[in-house]
Protein backbone atom coordinates (compact mmCIF):
# COMPACT_ATOMS: atom_id res chain seq x y z
CA MET A 1 5.00 9.00 18.96
CA VAL A 2 6.58 6.36 16.72
CA LYS A 3 8.32 7.87 13.72
CA ILE A 4 11.20 7.33 11.33
CA SER A 5 14.34 9.03 12.65
CA LYS A 6 16.72 11.25 10.70
CA SER A 7 19.40 8.62 11.19
CA GLU A 8 17.21 5.94 9.59
CA PHE A 9 16.52 8.14 6.57
CA GLU A 10 20.27 8.65 6.29
CA ARG A 11 20.92 4.89 6.46
CA ARG A 12 18.41 4.36 3.67
CA ARG A 13 20.19 6.88 1.44
CA GLN A 14 23.55 5.32 2.25
CA ARG A 15 22.30 1.84 1.38
CA LEU A 16 20.99 3.09 -1.94
CA MET A 17 24.19 4.95 -2.79
CA ALA A 18 26.21 1.82 -1.96
CA LEU A 19 24.33 0.06 -4.78
CA MET A 20 24.95 2.83 -7.31
CA GLU A 21 27.80 2.71 -9.81
CA PRO A 22 30.79 5.00 -9.27
CA ASN A 23 30.47 8.51 -10.73
CA SER A 24 26.69 8.35 -10.84
CA ILE A 25 23.74 10.46 -9.71
CA ALA A 26 20.20 9.64 -8.59
CA ILE A 27 17.27 12.04 -9.05
CA VAL A 28 13.92 11.61 -7.29
CA PRO A 29 11.18 14.27 -7.62
CA ALA A 30 8.55 14.82 -4.94
CA ALA A 31 4.85 14.51 -5.65
CA ARG A 32 3.01 17.53 -6.97
CA GLU A 33 -0.22 19.01 -5.68
CA GLN A 34 -3.22 17.83 -7.71
CA MET A 35 -6.34 19.84 -8.45
CA ARG A 36 -9.64 18.39 -7.28
CA SER A 37 -11.99 21.01 -8.69
CA ARG A 38 -11.38 24.50 -10.02
CA ASP A 39 -9.41 26.15 -7.19
CA THR A 40 -9.36 23.34 -4.60
CA GLU A 41 -6.72 20.64 -4.31
CA TYR A 42 -6.69 17.05 -3.16
CA PRO A 43 -5.00 16.54 0.22
CA PHE A 44 -1.29 16.39 -0.56
CA ARG A 45 0.34 12.98 -0.27
CA GLN A 46 4.09 12.70 -0.74
CA ASP A 47 5.59 10.34 -3.33
CA SER A 48 6.49 7.11 -1.52
CA ASP A 49 10.02 6.76 -2.92
CA PHE A 50 10.81 10.38 -2.13
CA HIS A 51 9.38 10.01 1.39
CA TYR A 52 11.33 6.79 1.95
CA LEU A 53 14.63 8.53 1.28
CA CYS A 54 14.20 11.75 3.24
CA GLY A 55 10.80 12.24 4.85
CA PHE A 56 10.55 15.79 3.47
CA PRO A 57 6.77 16.48 3.42
CA GLU A 58 6.42 19.29 0.86
CA PRO A 59 5.55 19.34 -2.86
CA ASP A 60 7.73 20.98 -5.51
CA ALA A 61 10.95 19.40 -4.28
CA VAL A 62 13.66 17.26 -5.89
CA LEU A 63 16.06 14.92 -4.08
CA VAL A 64 19.49 14.33 -5.60
CA LEU A 65 22.05 11.79 -4.42
CA VAL A 66 25.64 12.19 -5.62
CA PRO A 67 27.90 9.54 -4.05
CA GLY A 68 31.35 10.95 -3.26
CA ARG A 69 30.44 14.61 -3.79
CA GLY A 70 32.81 16.70 -1.72
CA HIS A 71 30.22 19.29 -0.69
CA GLY A 72 27.76 16.63 0.45
CA GLU A 73 26.05 13.66 -1.16
CA PHE A 74 22.43 14.55 -0.34
CA VAL A 75 21.19 17.63 -2.21
CA LEU A 76 17.62 18.88 -1.93
CA PHE A 77 15.83 21.48 -4.03
CA CYS A 78 12.71 22.90 -2.37
CA ARG A 79 10.48 25.96 -2.09
CA GLU A 80 11.88 29.00 -0.34
CA ARG A 81 10.36 30.44 2.80
CA ASP A 82 7.65 33.00 2.03
CA PRO A 83 5.90 34.55 5.06
CA LYS A 84 3.00 35.88 2.97
CA LEU A 85 2.21 32.52 1.37
CA GLU A 86 2.84 30.68 4.64
CA LEU A 87 0.16 32.84 6.26
CA TRP A 88 -2.35 31.31 3.81
CA HIS A 89 -1.02 27.79 3.28
CA GLY A 90 1.22 26.88 6.22
CA TYR A 91 4.83 26.57 7.20
CA ARG A 92 7.59 25.81 4.71
CA ALA A 93 10.95 24.42 5.73
CA GLY A 94 12.92 26.30 3.07
CA PRO A 95 16.50 25.34 2.14
CA GLU A 96 17.71 26.13 5.66
CA GLY A 97 15.12 23.83 7.23
CA ALA A 98 15.85 21.13 4.65
CA CYS A 99 19.38 20.97 6.03
CA ALA A 100 18.61 21.51 9.72
CA GLU A 101 15.46 19.39 9.99
CA TYR A 102 15.78 16.78 7.23
CA GLY A 103 19.50 16.16 6.99
CA ALA A 104 20.27 17.58 3.55
CA ASP A 105 23.97 18.28 3.04
CA ASP A 106 23.12 21.06 0.60
CA ALA A 107 19.78 22.66 -0.25
CA PHE A 108 18.80 25.18 -2.90
CA PRO A 109 15.62 27.01 -3.92
CA ILE A 110 13.61 25.00 -6.42
CA GLY A 111 13.67 28.03 -8.71
CA ASP A 112 17.44 27.57 -9.11
CA ILE A 113 17.27 23.95 -10.25
CA ASP A 114 17.71 24.75 -13.96
CA ASP A 115 20.96 26.52 -13.16
CA ILE A 116 22.39 23.99 -10.70
CA LEU A 117 21.20 20.46 -11.53
CA PRO A 118 22.68 20.29 -15.08
CA GLY A 119 26.06 20.95 -13.50
CA LEU A 120 25.57 18.02 -11.13
CA ILE A 121 24.49 15.75 -14.01
CA GLU A 122 27.30 16.82 -16.35
CA GLY A 123 30.14 14.31 -16.54
CA ARG A 124 28.32 11.50 -14.74
CA ASP A 125 28.65 8.02 -16.19
CA ARG A 126 25.14 7.06 -15.10
CA VAL A 127 21.90 8.78 -14.11
CA TYR A 128 19.47 6.80 -11.94
CA TYR A 129 15.94 8.03 -12.54
CA SER A 130 12.47 6.46 -12.80
CA MET A 131 11.49 7.48 -16.31
CA GLY A 132 7.82 7.39 -17.24
CA ARG A 133 6.18 8.38 -13.96
CA SER A 134 5.90 12.09 -14.72
CA ALA A 135 5.85 13.26 -18.32
CA ASP A 136 6.57 16.82 -17.20
CA PHE A 137 9.63 15.90 -15.17
CA ASP A 138 10.82 13.49 -17.89
CA ARG A 139 10.87 16.44 -20.27
CA ARG A 140 12.83 18.53 -17.78
CA ILE A 141 15.41 15.78 -17.35
CA MET A 142 15.86 15.50 -21.10
CA ALA A 143 16.06 19.29 -21.43
CA TRP A 144 18.94 19.35 -18.94
CA VAL A 145 20.71 16.54 -20.77
CA ASN A 146 20.20 18.27 -24.13
CA LEU A 147 21.59 21.48 -22.65
CA ILE A 148 24.75 19.60 -21.69
CA ARG A 149 24.93 18.01 -25.14
CA SER A 150 24.66 21.44 -26.76
CA LYS A 151 27.89 22.38 -24.98
CA GLU A 152 29.92 19.30 -25.98
CA SER A 153 32.01 21.40 -28.36
CA SER A 154 33.07 23.44 -25.34
CA GLY A 155 34.12 20.35 -23.42
CA ALA A 156 30.87 19.45 -21.61
CA VAL A 157 30.35 15.73 -21.09
CA PRO A 158 26.74 14.46 -21.16
CA PRO A 159 25.82 11.48 -18.95
CA GLY A 160 26.76 8.08 -20.33
CA GLU A 161 23.48 6.28 -19.71
CA PHE A 162 20.20 6.28 -17.81
CA THR A 163 19.23 3.46 -15.45
CA ASP A 164 15.81 2.91 -13.92
CA LEU A 165 16.01 3.54 -10.19
CA ASP A 166 12.96 1.49 -9.29
CA HIS A 167 14.49 -1.97 -9.03
CA MET A 168 17.24 -1.06 -6.55
CA LEU A 169 15.13 1.29 -4.45
CA HIS A 170 12.10 -0.98 -4.32
CA ASP A 171 14.18 -3.93 -3.21
CA LEU A 172 15.33 -1.80 -0.27
CA ARG A 173 11.74 -0.85 0.55
CA LEU A 174 10.57 -4.48 0.54
CA LYS A 175 12.14 -5.48 3.87
CA LYS A 176 10.87 -3.28 6.68
CA SER A 177 12.94 -1.92 9.57
CA ALA A 178 11.90 -2.18 13.21
CA ALA A 179 10.58 1.39 13.10
CA GLU A 180 8.57 0.69 9.96
CA LEU A 181 7.05 -2.40 11.56
CA ARG A 182 6.00 -0.33 14.56
CA LEU A 183 4.26 2.14 12.26
CA LEU A 184 2.55 -0.66 10.34
CA ALA A 185 1.47 -2.23 13.62
CA ARG A 186 0.05 1.10 14.77
CA ALA A 187 -1.85 1.48 11.49
CA GLY A 188 -3.18 -2.04 12.03
CA GLU A 189 -4.31 -1.30 15.59
CA ILE A 190 -6.21 1.83 14.53
CA THR A 191 -7.79 -0.01 11.61
CA ALA A 192 -8.83 -2.93 13.81
CA ARG A 193 -10.62 -0.57 16.18
CA ALA A 194 -12.37 1.04 13.22
CA HIS A 195 -13.67 -2.31 11.95
CA CYS A 196 -14.94 -3.18 15.42
CA ARG A 197 -16.71 0.18 15.58
CA ALA A 198 -18.37 -0.42 12.22
CA MET A 199 -19.57 -3.87 13.31
CA ARG A 200 -21.14 -2.40 16.44
CA HIS A 201 -22.99 0.25 14.40
CA ALA A 202 -24.34 -2.08 11.72
CA ARG A 203 -28.11 -2.55 11.82
CA PRO A 204 -30.98 -2.57 9.31
CA GLY A 205 -31.63 0.84 7.79
CA VAL A 206 -28.09 2.15 8.28
CA PHE A 207 -26.50 3.20 5.00
CA GLU A 208 -23.17 1.89 3.82
CA TYR A 209 -21.75 5.42 3.84
CA GLN A 210 -22.70 5.75 7.50
CA LEU A 211 -20.50 2.76 8.31
CA GLU A 212 -17.80 4.41 6.23
CA ALA A 213 -18.18 7.49 8.44
CA GLU A 214 -17.64 5.35 11.55
CA LEU A 215 -14.44 3.99 10.02
CA LEU A 216 -13.13 7.44 9.16
CA HIS A 217 -14.00 8.74 12.64
CA GLU A 218 -11.92 6.02 14.28
CA PHE A 219 -9.05 6.57 11.86
CA ALA A 220 -8.85 10.28 12.67
CA THR A 221 -9.32 9.73 16.39
CA GLY A 222 -6.34 7.38 16.33
CA GLY A 223 -4.10 9.92 14.61
CA ALA A 224 -4.56 8.70 11.04
CA ARG A 225 -6.27 11.53 9.18
CA HIS A 226 -6.73 9.69 5.90
CA PRO A 227 -7.69 6.23 4.69
CA ALA A 228 -4.99 4.40 2.79
CA TYR A 229 -7.50 3.83 -0.05
CA PRO A 230 -11.22 4.46 -0.65
CA CYS A 231 -13.27 2.47 1.86
CA ILE A 232 -15.21 -0.49 0.46
CA VAL A 233 -18.48 -1.01 2.35
CA GLY A 234 -20.54 -3.52 0.37
CA SER A 235 -23.77 -4.95 1.76
CA GLY A 236 -25.96 -7.67 0.27
CA PRO A 237 -25.24 -8.05 -3.47
CA ASN A 238 -22.56 -5.33 -3.24
CA SER A 239 -20.41 -7.72 -1.20
CA CYS A 240 -19.76 -9.58 -4.46
CA ILE A 241 -18.21 -6.51 -6.16
CA LEU A 242 -14.51 -6.67 -5.36
CA HIS A 243 -13.71 -2.94 -5.54
CA TYR A 244 -17.15 -1.51 -4.79
CA THR A 245 -16.93 2.07 -3.46
CA GLY A 246 -20.42 3.44 -4.15
CA ASN A 247 -21.32 2.88 -0.48
CA GLY A 248 -24.88 4.11 -1.02
CA ARG A 249 -27.14 1.16 -0.18
CA ALA A 250 -29.17 0.79 3.01
CA LEU A 251 -28.35 -2.33 5.05
CA ARG A 252 -31.09 -4.96 5.32
CA LYS A 253 -31.58 -7.63 7.94
CA GLY A 254 -29.95 -10.85 6.80
CA ASP A 255 -27.37 -9.08 4.59
CA LEU A 256 -23.69 -9.75 4.79
CA VAL A 257 -21.55 -6.61 4.91
CA LEU A 258 -18.04 -6.76 3.47
CA ILE A 259 -15.81 -3.90 4.63
CA ASP A 260 -12.34 -3.50 3.12
CA ALA A 261 -10.74 -0.47 4.73
CA GLY A 262 -7.45 0.63 6.24
CA CYS A 263 -5.93 3.82 7.53
CA GLU A 264 -2.67 5.45 6.56
CA TYR A 265 -0.48 6.27 9.57
CA GLN A 266 2.59 8.45 8.95
CA GLY A 267 2.66 7.23 5.37
CA TYR A 268 2.25 3.52 6.15
CA ALA A 269 -0.87 1.63 5.13
CA ALA A 270 -3.11 -0.91 6.77
CA ASP A 271 -5.37 -3.09 4.63
CA VAL A 272 -8.04 -5.12 6.42
CA THR A 273 -11.25 -6.83 5.33
CA ARG A 274 -13.98 -8.27 7.50
CA THR A 275 -17.38 -9.70 6.58
CA PHE A 276 -20.24 -9.80 9.07
CA PRO A 277 -24.05 -10.24 9.17
CA VAL A 278 -26.58 -7.44 9.60
CA GLY A 279 -28.69 -8.51 12.53
CA GLY A 280 -25.71 -10.15 14.24
CA HIS A 281 -26.10 -13.78 13.15
CA PHE A 282 -24.82 -15.69 10.11
CA ASN A 283 -27.38 -17.90 8.43
CA ARG A 284 -26.45 -21.46 7.49
CA GLN A 285 -25.16 -20.73 3.99
CA GLN A 286 -23.34 -17.56 5.05
CA ARG A 287 -21.60 -19.38 7.89
CA ALA A 288 -20.58 -22.23 5.58
CA ILE A 289 -18.93 -19.87 3.08
CA TYR A 290 -17.45 -17.70 5.83
CA SER A 291 -15.95 -20.71 7.62
CA LEU A 292 -14.43 -21.93 4.36
CA VAL A 293 -12.77 -18.56 3.68
CA LEU A 294 -11.50 -18.43 7.27
CA GLU A 295 -10.03 -21.92 6.93
CA ALA A 296 -8.31 -20.83 3.72
CA GLN A 297 -6.89 -17.73 5.41
CA GLN A 298 -5.58 -19.75 8.34
CA ALA A 299 -3.88 -22.18 5.97
CA ALA A 300 -2.29 -19.27 4.10
CA ILE A 301 -1.05 -17.59 7.27
CA GLU A 302 0.58 -20.88 8.31
CA ALA A 303 2.41 -20.86 4.96
CA VAL A 304 3.90 -17.38 5.61
CA ARG A 305 7.38 -18.18 6.89
CA PRO A 306 10.99 -17.70 5.78
CA GLY A 307 12.05 -20.09 3.05
CA ASN A 308 8.58 -20.51 1.61
CA HIS A 309 8.05 -18.79 -1.71
CA TRP A 310 5.66 -15.92 -2.34
CA ASN A 311 3.00 -18.09 -3.97
CA ALA A 312 2.83 -20.70 -1.18
CA PRO A 313 0.07 -18.88 0.77
CA HIS A 314 -1.99 -18.46 -2.40
CA GLU A 315 -1.61 -22.13 -3.27
CA ALA A 316 -2.83 -23.02 0.22
CA THR A 317 -5.98 -20.93 -0.26
CA VAL A 318 -6.69 -22.45 -3.66
CA ASP A 319 -6.48 -25.98 -2.24
CA VAL A 320 -8.77 -25.25 0.74
CA ILE A 321 -11.32 -23.25 -1.25
CA THR A 322 -11.53 -25.74 -4.12
CA ARG A 323 -12.02 -28.68 -1.73
CA GLY A 324 -14.58 -26.73 0.26
CA LEU A 325 -16.58 -25.62 -2.76
CA ARG A 326 -16.59 -29.22 -4.01
CA ASP A 327 -17.81 -30.45 -0.62
CA LEU A 328 -20.59 -27.84 -0.59
CA GLY A 329 -21.69 -28.91 -4.07
CA LEU A 330 -20.76 -25.61 -5.74
CA LEU A 331 -18.09 -27.37 -7.79
CA GLN A 332 -18.20 -30.95 -9.06
CA GLY A 333 -15.28 -33.21 -9.89
CA ASP A 334 -11.82 -34.25 -8.74
CA VAL A 335 -10.13 -31.57 -6.61
CA GLN A 336 -6.77 -31.67 -8.40
CA GLU A 337 -8.46 -31.57 -11.81
CA LEU A 338 -10.59 -28.62 -10.68
CA ILE A 339 -7.45 -26.80 -9.48
CA ALA A 340 -5.64 -27.53 -12.75
CA ALA A 341 -8.62 -26.18 -14.70
CA GLU A 342 -8.82 -23.15 -12.37
CA ALA A 343 -12.52 -23.88 -11.84
CA TYR A 344 -12.34 -22.06 -8.49
CA LYS A 345 -11.88 -18.74 -10.31
CA GLU A 346 -15.62 -18.52 -10.89
CA PHE A 347 -15.87 -17.83 -7.15
CA TYR A 348 -12.30 -16.83 -6.15
CA MET A 349 -10.89 -14.69 -8.91
CA HIS A 350 -8.08 -12.76 -7.18
CA ARG A 351 -4.81 -13.69 -5.53
CA ALA A 352 -4.37 -14.23 -1.81
CA GLY A 353 -2.42 -11.05 -1.11
CA HIS A 354 0.14 -8.41 -1.99
CA TRP A 355 3.08 -6.56 -0.44
CA LEU A 356 2.18 -3.84 2.05
CA GLY A 357 4.07 -0.77 3.26
CA LEU A 358 4.21 2.86 2.19
CA ASP A 359 1.91 1.87 -0.65
CA VAL A 360 -1.17 -0.30 -0.16
CA HIS A 361 0.00 -2.50 -3.01
CA ASP A 362 3.61 -1.98 -2.08
CA VAL A 363 6.66 -2.23 -4.28
CA GLY A 364 8.90 -5.25 -4.71
CA ASP A 365 9.17 -8.02 -7.29
CA TYR A 366 7.07 -11.13 -6.75
CA ARG A 367 9.37 -13.15 -9.00
CA VAL A 368 13.16 -13.13 -9.18
CA ALA A 369 14.85 -14.61 -12.24
CA GLY A 370 11.54 -16.16 -13.25
CA GLU A 371 10.98 -17.92 -9.91
CA TRP A 372 8.66 -17.00 -7.06
CA ARG A 373 10.50 -14.86 -4.55
CA GLN A 374 11.49 -16.43 -1.25
CA LEU A 375 9.86 -14.90 1.83
CA GLU A 376 12.30 -13.27 4.28
CA ALA A 377 11.97 -11.77 7.73
CA GLY A 378 10.80 -8.16 7.56
CA MET A 379 8.60 -8.55 4.51
CA VAL A 380 4.97 -7.52 5.07
CA LEU A 381 2.06 -8.85 3.05
CA THR A 382 -1.71 -9.15 3.16
CA VAL A 383 -3.51 -12.47 3.34
CA GLU A 384 -6.99 -12.08 1.86
CA PRO A 385 -8.81 -15.06 0.36
CA GLY A 386 -12.43 -14.62 -0.63
CA ILE A 387 -15.45 -16.31 -2.17
CA TYR A 388 -18.00 -14.35 -4.21
CA ILE A 389 -21.19 -15.97 -5.48
CA ALA A 390 -22.76 -13.45 -7.85
CA PRO A 391 -26.47 -12.69 -7.36
CA GLY A 392 -27.09 -13.63 -10.98
CA ASN A 393 -25.21 -16.93 -10.92
CA THR A 394 -27.90 -19.35 -12.07
CA ARG A 395 -25.50 -22.31 -11.92
CA VAL A 396 -25.92 -22.47 -8.15
CA ALA A 397 -28.99 -22.86 -5.96
CA PRO A 398 -30.71 -19.57 -5.02
CA ARG A 399 -29.80 -19.98 -1.34
CA TRP A 400 -26.11 -19.41 -2.20
CA ARG A 401 -26.53 -16.41 -4.47
CA GLY A 402 -25.37 -12.97 -3.38
CA ILE A 403 -22.97 -14.21 -0.71
CA GLY A 404 -19.63 -12.42 -0.82
CA VAL A 405 -16.99 -13.05 1.85
CA ARG A 406 -13.42 -11.82 2.15
CA ILE A 407 -11.20 -11.95 5.24
CA GLU A 408 -7.96 -9.97 5.11
CA ASP A 409 -5.15 -9.34 7.57
CA ASP A 410 -1.70 -7.77 7.48
CA VAL A 411 1.13 -10.18 8.24
CA VAL A 412 4.86 -9.67 8.81
CA VAL A 413 7.35 -12.46 8.13
CA THR A 414 9.47 -13.14 11.24
CA GLU A 415 12.62 -15.21 11.74
CA SER A 416 10.58 -18.21 12.87
CA GLY A 417 7.28 -17.75 11.02
CA CYS A 418 4.97 -14.77 10.94
CA ARG A 419 2.97 -12.34 13.08
CA VAL A 420 -0.49 -10.94 12.32
CA LEU A 421 -0.50 -7.16 12.78
CA THR A 422 -4.27 -6.74 12.60
CA ASP A 423 -5.69 -9.36 14.97
CA GLY A 424 -7.38 -6.70 17.10
CA VAL A 425 -10.59 -7.29 15.15
CA PRO A 426 -12.18 -10.75 15.44
CA ARG A 427 -12.20 -13.33 12.66
CA GLN A 428 -14.04 -16.26 14.23
CA PRO A 429 -17.77 -16.10 13.42
CA GLU A 430 -18.75 -16.64 17.07
CA ALA A 431 -16.50 -13.75 18.15
CA ILE A 432 -18.00 -11.48 15.48
CA GLU A 433 -21.52 -12.32 16.60
CA ALA A 434 -20.56 -11.68 20.24
CA LEU A 435 -19.02 -8.29 19.39
CA MET A 436 -22.12 -7.25 17.48
CA ALA A 437 -24.40 -8.41 20.29
CA ALA A 438 -22.40 -6.40 22.84
CA GLY A 439 -22.59 -3.27 20.66
C-alpha cells in the first residue's frame, strides 16, 4: 500500500522549522470531532495541516514544533490510552504510541497541556499559529499568553509576537512529493473507475442518487471509504446548477448527466467531472457544446507546463469557449471584444481550475507579489472548463436550453509539461458512447 513514510513526515517538519525564526515555536491543533445529530458524530477527518506534519490520526491532539529544543523539537499532546473507552470507540496511540509510531520526540497527555505548553511558549520571540480557524483554541492560546504576562513581575517573558503559520506551511504543501503524487494518482484511478461504473448504470428511470450509490460503491471497493466532497449528480436541467447535490431526480432519455465526484484516498483528494447522455448518444446540440468544452479543456491542459503562469490555462479556455459560442450563434460580435466584456460569463461563470491535494480546493497562493504564480513541477491542479445554458435562458433558441457540460481532470505539472492523473475515464464523446453501449 502506498503511504507517507515517517521519514517524509519528519522531512516536512524539518523544512518548516528551517523557515521559522530563531527562538520561535509553532502550534498546530488537530481537528475536533463534530456532532451530526444528538449523540452521533460525523466521520472524523483530520485537519490537513496537522496531518501533513505528522500523520497522527486522532482528534484532541496538538502538535508543537520548537526548533533547537534540547529534549526534542517535535512535541505532541494527545489522549491517553484508556482500555474501557477503547473497547467502545477503538484504539488510541497514547503518548507512548505517539513517539513510537509517529515520531514524536516528546509526547504528553492532552490533559496536561495547560501545565506544560505555557512553559514552552514562555520566552519565545515568535509564536507561529493560524489564528481565526478555531475560536475555542484561539481563546486557549491567549489564555496561556495572558498567564505568562501575569507572571512578568516574577521574571516571566511573554512571546514577542504572533505570526500566521499558513503562508509558510501552505507553500510547502503546494509542491507534492513523489509519494504524494502516487497517492493522488491512486485516488484518480479509483475515481475514474467510479465514473465509468456510473456511466454504465445510467438509463431512463434511474435516480440521480442511485448513480451516486454506484460511485460510492466503487470508492469503497478501491479502498477509499469517503468521497472527497459531496457527489454532484445533475441530470437534465440540474446539469446547469454548478454545485447541485440534491441528487433526487429520475433520469430521462435524452438528458445529459453531469457527475462531479472524487474519492479521498489516505487524505488526498481526486476531483473529476464527466458529462454523458442518458440513452447513450449525444444529440446534435449536446455534442456541439460537449465538443467545445472538450476543445477548451485540451487547450488548457496544453498550457499546463513549467514557466507558464497559473492563469494561462484559464485564458486558453476563455479564448476557445468565446470563439466557439460565437460560431454557434450563442454570442454575437468580435471575439476579443466579447472576451474583454466577459460576455462568456453568461455561460462559463467559473474559473478553469484550482489547486488539488489534501484539500479539494488545496492551499497555496495563486498570486505572488501581485502577479500570477508561475507553475512548477510537482504542483497539482484541476482543469475543468464548462458551459451551462440555463433552462430559462430566453436569449437562446429552445434547442440549446438546459444543456450543462463540464469536463474536469486532475493534472500534475512535470519537468517537461504535465501528466493527467485521471485519464482512466473517457473524455472523447465517441469513447463515452462506446462505454455506455458496452455496459
